[in-house]
N, C-alpha and C. Protein backbone atom coordinates (compact mmCIF):
# COMPACT_ATOMS: atom_id res chain seq x y z
N UNK A 1 -0.33 6.42 -79.90
CA UNK A 1 0.60 5.32 -79.37
C UNK A 1 0.76 5.56 -77.94
N UNK A 2 0.83 6.91 -77.46
CA UNK A 2 1.12 7.03 -76.09
C UNK A 2 -0.17 6.50 -75.26
N UNK A 3 -1.36 6.60 -75.73
CA UNK A 3 -2.52 6.05 -75.06
C UNK A 3 -2.28 4.61 -74.94
N UNK A 4 -1.90 3.83 -75.80
CA UNK A 4 -1.73 2.50 -75.84
C UNK A 4 -0.84 2.03 -74.85
N UNK A 5 0.39 2.83 -74.80
CA UNK A 5 1.35 2.47 -73.84
C UNK A 5 0.88 2.67 -72.37
N UNK A 6 0.01 3.61 -72.06
CA UNK A 6 -0.48 3.91 -70.76
C UNK A 6 -1.38 2.68 -70.40
N UNK A 7 -2.25 2.03 -71.37
CA UNK A 7 -3.17 0.95 -70.98
C UNK A 7 -2.24 -0.30 -70.73
N UNK A 8 -1.06 -0.42 -71.21
CA UNK A 8 -0.36 -1.75 -71.25
C UNK A 8 0.34 -1.71 -69.70
N UNK A 9 0.61 -0.62 -69.09
CA UNK A 9 1.17 -0.64 -67.82
C UNK A 9 0.28 -1.35 -66.90
N UNK A 10 1.03 -2.23 -66.00
CA UNK A 10 0.22 -2.82 -65.02
C UNK A 10 -0.25 -1.89 -63.88
N UNK A 11 -1.37 -2.17 -63.19
CA UNK A 11 -1.56 -1.26 -62.01
C UNK A 11 -0.65 -1.28 -61.02
N UNK A 12 -0.43 -0.28 -60.34
CA UNK A 12 0.44 -0.24 -59.21
C UNK A 12 0.35 -1.44 -58.18
N UNK A 13 1.36 -1.97 -57.65
CA UNK A 13 1.14 -2.98 -56.65
C UNK A 13 0.92 -2.47 -55.39
N UNK A 14 -0.12 -2.94 -54.81
CA UNK A 14 -0.58 -2.44 -53.41
C UNK A 14 -0.17 -3.36 -52.42
N UNK A 15 0.25 -2.90 -51.26
CA UNK A 15 0.74 -3.69 -50.13
C UNK A 15 -0.72 -4.25 -49.49
N UNK A 16 -0.64 -5.42 -48.88
CA UNK A 16 -1.89 -5.81 -48.23
C UNK A 16 -2.17 -5.10 -47.08
N UNK A 17 -3.43 -4.73 -46.88
CA UNK A 17 -3.88 -3.89 -45.80
C UNK A 17 -3.97 -4.78 -44.53
N UNK A 18 -3.35 -4.25 -43.45
CA UNK A 18 -3.35 -5.01 -42.18
C UNK A 18 -4.22 -4.22 -41.26
N UNK A 19 -5.33 -4.79 -40.75
CA UNK A 19 -6.08 -4.10 -39.77
C UNK A 19 -5.48 -3.75 -38.58
N UNK A 20 -6.07 -2.79 -37.89
CA UNK A 20 -5.56 -2.51 -36.59
C UNK A 20 -5.53 -3.68 -35.47
N UNK A 21 -4.47 -3.63 -34.75
CA UNK A 21 -4.27 -4.57 -33.70
C UNK A 21 -5.30 -4.33 -32.45
N UNK A 22 -5.75 -5.40 -31.87
CA UNK A 22 -6.54 -5.27 -30.72
C UNK A 22 -5.66 -5.69 -29.47
N UNK A 23 -5.75 -4.91 -28.58
CA UNK A 23 -5.03 -5.16 -27.20
C UNK A 23 -6.15 -5.55 -26.13
N UNK A 24 -5.90 -6.55 -25.49
CA UNK A 24 -6.68 -6.75 -24.18
C UNK A 24 -5.80 -6.67 -23.14
N UNK A 25 -6.22 -5.83 -22.11
CA UNK A 25 -5.30 -5.71 -20.80
C UNK A 25 -6.16 -6.48 -19.80
N UNK A 26 -5.73 -7.63 -19.59
CA UNK A 26 -6.56 -8.55 -18.69
C UNK A 26 -5.78 -8.58 -17.28
N UNK A 27 -6.42 -7.99 -16.19
CA UNK A 27 -5.81 -7.71 -14.99
C UNK A 27 -6.69 -8.22 -13.80
N UNK A 28 -5.95 -8.81 -12.69
CA UNK A 28 -6.49 -9.05 -11.51
C UNK A 28 -6.74 -7.84 -10.65
N UNK A 29 -8.06 -7.63 -10.24
CA UNK A 29 -8.34 -6.47 -9.38
C UNK A 29 -8.76 -5.25 -10.17
N UNK A 30 -9.38 -4.29 -9.48
CA UNK A 30 -9.85 -3.09 -10.01
C UNK A 30 -8.71 -2.09 -10.02
N UNK A 31 -8.74 -1.15 -10.95
CA UNK A 31 -7.71 -0.03 -10.91
C UNK A 31 -8.55 1.13 -10.16
N UNK A 32 -7.72 1.62 -9.16
CA UNK A 32 -8.29 2.67 -8.35
C UNK A 32 -7.56 4.05 -8.51
N UNK A 33 -8.05 4.97 -7.91
CA UNK A 33 -7.26 6.09 -7.82
C UNK A 33 -5.87 6.09 -7.10
N UNK A 34 -4.94 6.78 -7.50
CA UNK A 34 -4.82 7.82 -8.58
C UNK A 34 -4.59 7.22 -9.89
N UNK A 35 -4.48 5.94 -10.02
CA UNK A 35 -4.06 5.27 -11.27
C UNK A 35 -5.14 5.22 -12.40
N UNK A 36 -6.42 5.10 -11.94
CA UNK A 36 -7.61 5.02 -12.73
C UNK A 36 -7.63 6.13 -13.85
N UNK A 37 -7.25 7.46 -13.41
CA UNK A 37 -7.34 8.47 -14.46
C UNK A 37 -6.21 8.23 -15.43
N UNK A 38 -5.02 7.92 -15.04
CA UNK A 38 -3.88 7.70 -15.90
C UNK A 38 -4.19 6.47 -16.88
N UNK A 39 -4.93 5.41 -16.47
CA UNK A 39 -5.15 4.34 -17.22
C UNK A 39 -6.20 4.84 -18.40
N UNK A 40 -7.17 5.59 -17.95
CA UNK A 40 -8.09 6.07 -19.00
C UNK A 40 -7.51 7.14 -19.98
N UNK A 41 -6.61 7.87 -19.47
CA UNK A 41 -5.89 8.80 -20.20
C UNK A 41 -5.11 8.16 -21.47
N UNK A 42 -4.26 7.12 -21.08
CA UNK A 42 -3.61 6.39 -22.20
C UNK A 42 -4.49 5.60 -23.02
N UNK A 43 -5.54 4.91 -22.45
CA UNK A 43 -6.47 4.37 -23.29
C UNK A 43 -7.08 5.09 -24.33
N UNK A 44 -7.39 6.40 -23.99
CA UNK A 44 -8.00 7.33 -25.06
C UNK A 44 -6.90 7.65 -26.02
N UNK A 45 -5.67 7.98 -25.68
CA UNK A 45 -4.71 8.34 -26.55
C UNK A 45 -4.31 7.07 -27.56
N UNK A 46 -4.34 5.90 -26.96
CA UNK A 46 -4.07 4.75 -27.69
C UNK A 46 -5.08 4.18 -28.80
N UNK A 47 -6.42 4.76 -28.33
CA UNK A 47 -7.51 4.46 -29.16
C UNK A 47 -7.48 4.97 -30.59
N UNK A 48 -6.62 5.97 -30.81
CA UNK A 48 -6.51 6.54 -32.13
C UNK A 48 -5.43 5.56 -33.05
N UNK A 49 -4.94 4.65 -32.36
CA UNK A 49 -3.95 3.69 -33.09
C UNK A 49 -4.24 2.27 -33.04
N UNK A 50 -5.03 1.86 -32.06
CA UNK A 50 -5.44 0.45 -31.89
C UNK A 50 -6.72 0.38 -30.98
N UNK A 51 -7.33 -0.79 -31.05
CA UNK A 51 -8.56 -1.04 -30.16
C UNK A 51 -7.93 -1.49 -28.85
N UNK A 52 -8.58 -1.14 -27.82
CA UNK A 52 -8.06 -1.55 -26.50
C UNK A 52 -9.15 -1.97 -25.52
N UNK A 53 -9.23 -3.14 -24.99
CA UNK A 53 -10.17 -3.60 -24.07
C UNK A 53 -9.41 -3.65 -22.72
N UNK A 54 -9.98 -3.20 -21.61
CA UNK A 54 -9.35 -3.29 -20.29
C UNK A 54 -10.50 -4.23 -19.54
N UNK A 55 -10.09 -5.32 -19.17
CA UNK A 55 -10.77 -6.29 -18.46
C UNK A 55 -10.30 -6.53 -17.10
N UNK A 56 -11.21 -6.38 -16.08
CA UNK A 56 -10.65 -6.54 -14.77
C UNK A 56 -11.51 -7.88 -14.25
N UNK A 57 -10.73 -8.76 -13.53
CA UNK A 57 -11.21 -9.89 -13.06
C UNK A 57 -10.88 -10.12 -11.51
N UNK A 58 -11.67 -11.02 -10.76
CA UNK A 58 -11.33 -10.95 -9.25
C UNK A 58 -10.31 -11.91 -8.93
N UNK A 59 -9.91 -13.03 -9.85
CA UNK A 59 -8.90 -13.92 -9.42
C UNK A 59 -8.13 -14.62 -10.52
N UNK A 60 -7.23 -15.48 -10.25
CA UNK A 60 -6.55 -16.14 -11.29
C UNK A 60 -7.25 -17.11 -12.21
N UNK A 61 -8.39 -17.69 -11.52
CA UNK A 61 -9.18 -18.62 -12.16
C UNK A 61 -10.00 -17.87 -13.38
N UNK A 62 -10.31 -16.64 -13.02
CA UNK A 62 -10.99 -15.94 -14.18
C UNK A 62 -10.15 -15.49 -15.07
N UNK A 63 -8.97 -15.21 -14.93
CA UNK A 63 -7.89 -14.99 -16.01
C UNK A 63 -7.98 -15.80 -17.16
N UNK A 64 -7.87 -17.00 -16.88
CA UNK A 64 -7.87 -18.13 -17.85
C UNK A 64 -9.16 -18.16 -18.80
N UNK A 65 -10.27 -17.84 -18.10
CA UNK A 65 -11.49 -17.94 -18.78
C UNK A 65 -11.68 -16.58 -19.65
N UNK A 66 -11.02 -15.68 -19.35
CA UNK A 66 -11.27 -14.27 -20.20
C UNK A 66 -10.27 -14.14 -21.22
N UNK A 67 -9.24 -14.80 -21.40
CA UNK A 67 -8.23 -14.73 -22.48
C UNK A 67 -9.04 -14.80 -23.81
N UNK A 68 -8.92 -13.71 -24.71
CA UNK A 68 -9.59 -13.87 -25.88
C UNK A 68 -9.11 -15.12 -26.79
N UNK A 69 -9.92 -15.70 -27.58
CA UNK A 69 -9.65 -16.79 -28.31
C UNK A 69 -8.60 -16.36 -29.44
N UNK A 70 -7.61 -17.25 -29.81
CA UNK A 70 -6.48 -17.03 -30.70
C UNK A 70 -5.64 -15.75 -30.34
N UNK A 71 -5.63 -15.15 -29.21
CA UNK A 71 -4.91 -13.96 -28.94
C UNK A 71 -3.39 -14.55 -28.71
N UNK A 72 -2.54 -13.75 -28.89
CA UNK A 72 -1.16 -13.96 -28.44
C UNK A 72 -1.07 -13.32 -27.12
N UNK A 73 -0.78 -14.27 -26.20
CA UNK A 73 -0.76 -14.02 -24.75
C UNK A 73 0.60 -13.59 -24.12
N UNK A 74 0.81 -12.28 -23.58
CA UNK A 74 2.05 -11.96 -23.15
C UNK A 74 1.73 -11.69 -21.50
N UNK A 75 2.31 -12.37 -20.62
CA UNK A 75 2.32 -12.29 -19.33
C UNK A 75 3.36 -11.40 -18.69
N UNK A 76 2.86 -10.26 -17.98
CA UNK A 76 3.86 -9.43 -17.34
C UNK A 76 4.55 -10.13 -16.18
N UNK A 77 5.88 -10.31 -16.41
CA UNK A 77 6.59 -11.06 -15.35
C UNK A 77 7.92 -10.51 -15.14
N UNK A 78 8.41 -10.24 -14.04
CA UNK A 78 9.70 -9.72 -13.81
C UNK A 78 10.80 -10.48 -14.27
N UNK A 79 10.66 -12.00 -14.61
CA UNK A 79 11.52 -12.53 -15.39
C UNK A 79 11.37 -12.62 -16.76
N UNK A 80 10.54 -11.96 -17.35
CA UNK A 80 10.22 -11.85 -18.78
C UNK A 80 11.36 -10.96 -19.62
N UNK A 81 11.10 -11.01 -20.90
CA UNK A 81 11.82 -10.16 -21.75
C UNK A 81 11.82 -8.67 -21.52
N UNK A 82 12.89 -7.93 -21.43
CA UNK A 82 12.84 -6.46 -21.17
C UNK A 82 13.24 -5.85 -22.58
N UNK A 83 12.53 -4.84 -22.92
CA UNK A 83 12.85 -4.05 -24.22
C UNK A 83 13.02 -2.49 -23.90
N UNK A 84 13.81 -1.90 -24.67
CA UNK A 84 13.73 -0.47 -24.61
C UNK A 84 12.54 -0.11 -25.67
N UNK A 85 12.25 1.13 -25.62
CA UNK A 85 10.87 1.55 -26.29
C UNK A 85 10.87 1.29 -27.97
N UNK A 86 12.06 1.40 -28.57
CA UNK A 86 12.06 0.92 -29.91
C UNK A 86 11.99 -0.51 -30.19
N UNK A 87 12.70 -1.27 -29.28
CA UNK A 87 12.64 -2.67 -29.41
C UNK A 87 11.16 -3.21 -29.26
N UNK A 88 10.50 -2.51 -28.19
CA UNK A 88 9.15 -2.89 -27.90
C UNK A 88 8.25 -2.62 -29.18
N UNK A 89 8.54 -1.48 -29.72
CA UNK A 89 7.83 -1.16 -30.94
C UNK A 89 7.90 -2.15 -31.96
N UNK A 90 9.18 -2.59 -32.12
CA UNK A 90 9.39 -3.68 -33.17
C UNK A 90 8.62 -4.97 -32.80
N UNK A 91 8.66 -5.14 -31.55
CA UNK A 91 7.80 -6.45 -31.00
C UNK A 91 6.35 -6.22 -31.36
N UNK A 92 5.92 -5.21 -31.11
CA UNK A 92 4.48 -4.88 -31.40
C UNK A 92 4.18 -4.93 -32.90
N UNK A 93 5.08 -4.40 -33.65
CA UNK A 93 4.89 -4.44 -35.09
C UNK A 93 4.96 -5.97 -35.59
N UNK A 94 5.78 -6.82 -35.13
CA UNK A 94 5.77 -8.24 -35.38
C UNK A 94 4.42 -8.83 -35.22
N UNK A 95 3.80 -8.55 -34.04
CA UNK A 95 2.42 -9.16 -33.72
C UNK A 95 1.35 -8.53 -34.67
N UNK A 96 1.53 -7.35 -35.05
CA UNK A 96 0.68 -6.79 -36.05
C UNK A 96 0.74 -7.37 -37.37
N UNK A 97 1.91 -7.60 -37.83
CA UNK A 97 2.20 -8.28 -39.16
C UNK A 97 1.78 -9.68 -39.17
N UNK A 98 1.86 -10.34 -38.04
CA UNK A 98 1.29 -11.72 -37.88
C UNK A 98 -0.20 -11.69 -37.89
N UNK A 99 -0.80 -10.57 -37.67
CA UNK A 99 -2.29 -10.48 -37.65
C UNK A 99 -2.80 -10.93 -36.38
N UNK A 100 -2.10 -10.98 -35.22
CA UNK A 100 -2.50 -11.53 -34.00
C UNK A 100 -2.85 -10.44 -33.03
N UNK A 101 -3.92 -10.45 -32.41
CA UNK A 101 -4.34 -9.61 -31.36
C UNK A 101 -3.47 -9.98 -30.19
N UNK A 102 -3.21 -9.01 -29.32
CA UNK A 102 -2.41 -9.33 -28.10
C UNK A 102 -3.22 -9.12 -26.85
N UNK A 103 -3.03 -10.13 -25.93
CA UNK A 103 -3.64 -10.09 -24.64
C UNK A 103 -2.51 -10.03 -23.61
N UNK A 104 -2.36 -8.82 -22.88
CA UNK A 104 -1.60 -8.77 -21.75
C UNK A 104 -2.12 -9.05 -20.50
N UNK A 105 -1.42 -10.07 -19.84
CA UNK A 105 -2.00 -10.44 -18.55
C UNK A 105 -1.28 -10.09 -17.51
N UNK A 106 -2.05 -9.32 -16.40
CA UNK A 106 -1.28 -8.76 -15.17
C UNK A 106 -1.84 -9.56 -14.08
N UNK A 107 -1.15 -10.02 -13.11
CA UNK A 107 -1.58 -10.56 -11.99
C UNK A 107 -1.89 -9.51 -10.99
N UNK A 108 -2.32 -9.99 -9.85
CA UNK A 108 -2.67 -9.03 -8.69
C UNK A 108 -1.44 -8.62 -7.92
N UNK A 109 -1.69 -8.19 -6.81
CA UNK A 109 -0.55 -7.59 -5.87
C UNK A 109 0.35 -8.67 -5.56
N UNK A 110 0.00 -9.81 -5.55
CA UNK A 110 1.03 -10.95 -5.14
C UNK A 110 1.32 -11.84 -6.46
N UNK A 111 1.30 -11.40 -7.61
CA UNK A 111 1.51 -12.04 -8.75
C UNK A 111 0.50 -13.03 -9.14
N UNK A 112 0.79 -14.00 -10.03
CA UNK A 112 -0.25 -14.99 -10.57
C UNK A 112 0.31 -16.27 -10.79
N UNK A 113 -0.56 -17.27 -10.61
CA UNK A 113 -0.14 -18.61 -11.09
C UNK A 113 -0.55 -18.98 -12.65
N UNK A 114 -1.05 -17.98 -13.34
CA UNK A 114 -1.44 -18.06 -14.77
C UNK A 114 -0.10 -18.65 -15.47
N UNK A 115 -0.42 -19.68 -16.38
CA UNK A 115 0.75 -20.27 -17.01
C UNK A 115 0.53 -20.44 -18.53
N UNK A 116 -0.53 -19.82 -19.07
CA UNK A 116 -0.82 -20.06 -20.41
C UNK A 116 -0.25 -18.83 -21.24
N UNK A 117 0.92 -18.57 -21.26
CA UNK A 117 1.60 -17.48 -21.86
C UNK A 117 2.43 -17.85 -23.16
N UNK A 118 2.27 -17.16 -24.20
CA UNK A 118 3.05 -17.27 -25.43
C UNK A 118 4.46 -16.52 -25.19
N UNK A 119 4.34 -15.58 -24.19
CA UNK A 119 5.49 -14.66 -24.04
C UNK A 119 5.49 -14.12 -22.74
N UNK A 120 6.63 -13.74 -22.15
CA UNK A 120 6.67 -13.12 -20.80
C UNK A 120 7.33 -11.62 -21.05
N UNK A 121 6.78 -10.68 -20.53
CA UNK A 121 7.23 -9.32 -20.72
C UNK A 121 7.58 -8.77 -19.37
N UNK A 122 8.74 -8.15 -19.34
CA UNK A 122 9.24 -7.36 -18.10
C UNK A 122 9.22 -5.91 -18.38
N UNK A 123 8.64 -5.18 -17.38
CA UNK A 123 8.72 -3.79 -17.56
C UNK A 123 10.03 -3.21 -16.83
N UNK A 124 10.83 -4.08 -16.45
CA UNK A 124 12.12 -3.78 -15.80
C UNK A 124 12.41 -4.52 -14.58
N UNK A 125 13.50 -4.31 -13.99
CA UNK A 125 13.86 -5.07 -12.92
C UNK A 125 13.26 -4.57 -11.54
N UNK A 126 12.83 -3.39 -11.51
CA UNK A 126 12.12 -2.93 -10.42
C UNK A 126 10.88 -3.39 -10.28
N UNK A 127 10.37 -3.82 -9.00
CA UNK A 127 9.02 -4.15 -8.74
C UNK A 127 8.08 -2.95 -8.64
N UNK A 128 6.98 -3.05 -9.49
CA UNK A 128 5.94 -1.92 -9.76
C UNK A 128 4.68 -2.37 -9.03
N UNK A 129 4.03 -1.42 -8.35
CA UNK A 129 2.56 -1.88 -7.94
C UNK A 129 1.81 -2.28 -9.18
N UNK A 130 0.99 -3.32 -9.02
CA UNK A 130 0.26 -4.03 -10.26
C UNK A 130 -0.56 -2.87 -10.91
N UNK A 131 -1.14 -1.90 -10.19
CA UNK A 131 -1.93 -0.81 -10.70
C UNK A 131 -1.09 0.12 -11.66
N UNK A 132 0.05 0.42 -11.09
CA UNK A 132 1.05 1.24 -11.97
C UNK A 132 1.58 0.50 -13.14
N UNK A 133 1.57 -0.72 -13.08
CA UNK A 133 2.24 -1.53 -14.15
C UNK A 133 1.18 -1.33 -15.32
N UNK A 134 -0.12 -1.37 -15.13
CA UNK A 134 -1.08 -1.03 -16.01
C UNK A 134 -0.82 0.22 -16.76
N UNK A 135 -0.57 1.28 -16.08
CA UNK A 135 -0.34 2.63 -16.61
C UNK A 135 0.98 2.64 -17.41
N UNK A 136 1.95 2.10 -16.92
CA UNK A 136 3.33 1.83 -17.71
C UNK A 136 3.17 1.08 -19.00
N UNK A 137 2.37 0.04 -18.95
CA UNK A 137 2.17 -0.77 -20.04
C UNK A 137 1.39 -0.01 -21.22
N UNK A 138 0.29 0.73 -20.75
CA UNK A 138 -0.53 1.63 -21.78
C UNK A 138 0.37 2.64 -22.28
N UNK A 139 1.11 3.29 -21.50
CA UNK A 139 1.99 4.44 -21.96
C UNK A 139 2.97 3.78 -23.09
N UNK A 140 3.57 2.65 -22.89
CA UNK A 140 4.56 2.07 -23.69
C UNK A 140 3.84 1.63 -24.87
N UNK A 141 2.63 1.27 -25.00
CA UNK A 141 2.01 0.75 -26.02
C UNK A 141 1.66 2.06 -27.10
N UNK A 142 1.24 3.08 -26.31
CA UNK A 142 1.12 4.48 -27.05
C UNK A 142 2.32 4.87 -27.64
N UNK A 143 3.39 4.79 -26.99
CA UNK A 143 4.69 5.30 -27.40
C UNK A 143 5.22 4.38 -28.55
N UNK A 144 4.98 3.09 -28.44
CA UNK A 144 5.30 2.20 -29.55
C UNK A 144 4.70 2.52 -30.88
N UNK A 145 3.29 2.91 -30.89
CA UNK A 145 2.57 3.20 -32.00
C UNK A 145 3.02 4.58 -32.56
N UNK A 146 3.38 5.38 -31.75
CA UNK A 146 3.95 6.72 -32.06
C UNK A 146 5.19 6.52 -32.82
N UNK A 147 6.14 5.72 -32.33
CA UNK A 147 7.44 5.23 -32.87
C UNK A 147 7.05 4.72 -34.34
N UNK A 148 6.23 3.62 -34.43
CA UNK A 148 5.98 2.93 -35.59
C UNK A 148 5.34 4.00 -36.79
N UNK A 149 4.54 4.93 -36.25
CA UNK A 149 3.99 5.94 -37.13
C UNK A 149 5.08 6.98 -37.62
N UNK A 150 6.24 6.92 -36.95
CA UNK A 150 7.33 8.03 -37.31
C UNK A 150 6.74 9.28 -36.69
N UNK A 151 5.91 9.35 -35.72
CA UNK A 151 5.42 10.68 -35.14
C UNK A 151 6.17 10.99 -33.86
N UNK A 152 6.38 12.31 -33.64
CA UNK A 152 6.96 12.58 -32.42
C UNK A 152 6.31 12.21 -31.13
N UNK A 153 7.17 11.89 -30.12
CA UNK A 153 6.50 11.54 -28.85
C UNK A 153 7.33 12.45 -27.88
N UNK A 154 6.60 13.35 -27.10
CA UNK A 154 7.21 14.17 -26.10
C UNK A 154 7.54 13.49 -24.81
N UNK A 155 8.75 13.68 -24.39
CA UNK A 155 9.17 12.99 -23.20
C UNK A 155 8.56 13.69 -22.01
């Protein structure tokens, strides 16, 4: 009888598998030293958690052409939403749960006229050099994934 009872039990319910999110960092201008090493460092760390494409374009016109199809577009803008690291991690998780890849758009040294954004993100009230903003964004994406995984992140 015990064998019959085992057979009657339904299989355990499995949660749907959600694939890794893909981030596109779409930026005007080339990243140069000393920032290039930091960008590459965080891209490598983040690669364990998500796919990351870093696309550099010459001008605003090229930004619009290079936005991935169906991506959720977040424009870095000093007037955008500002989050602490845990709130940003929750925002990232919402995008992942929705199954949307995210394209972060960064203008050049003088900003951008890009207006096709689903969201505007501020890295804080201070003005950052646009190359440093790439480093900060990648570091925060890495930190968000560590938070979501429940893994320690050393400050």
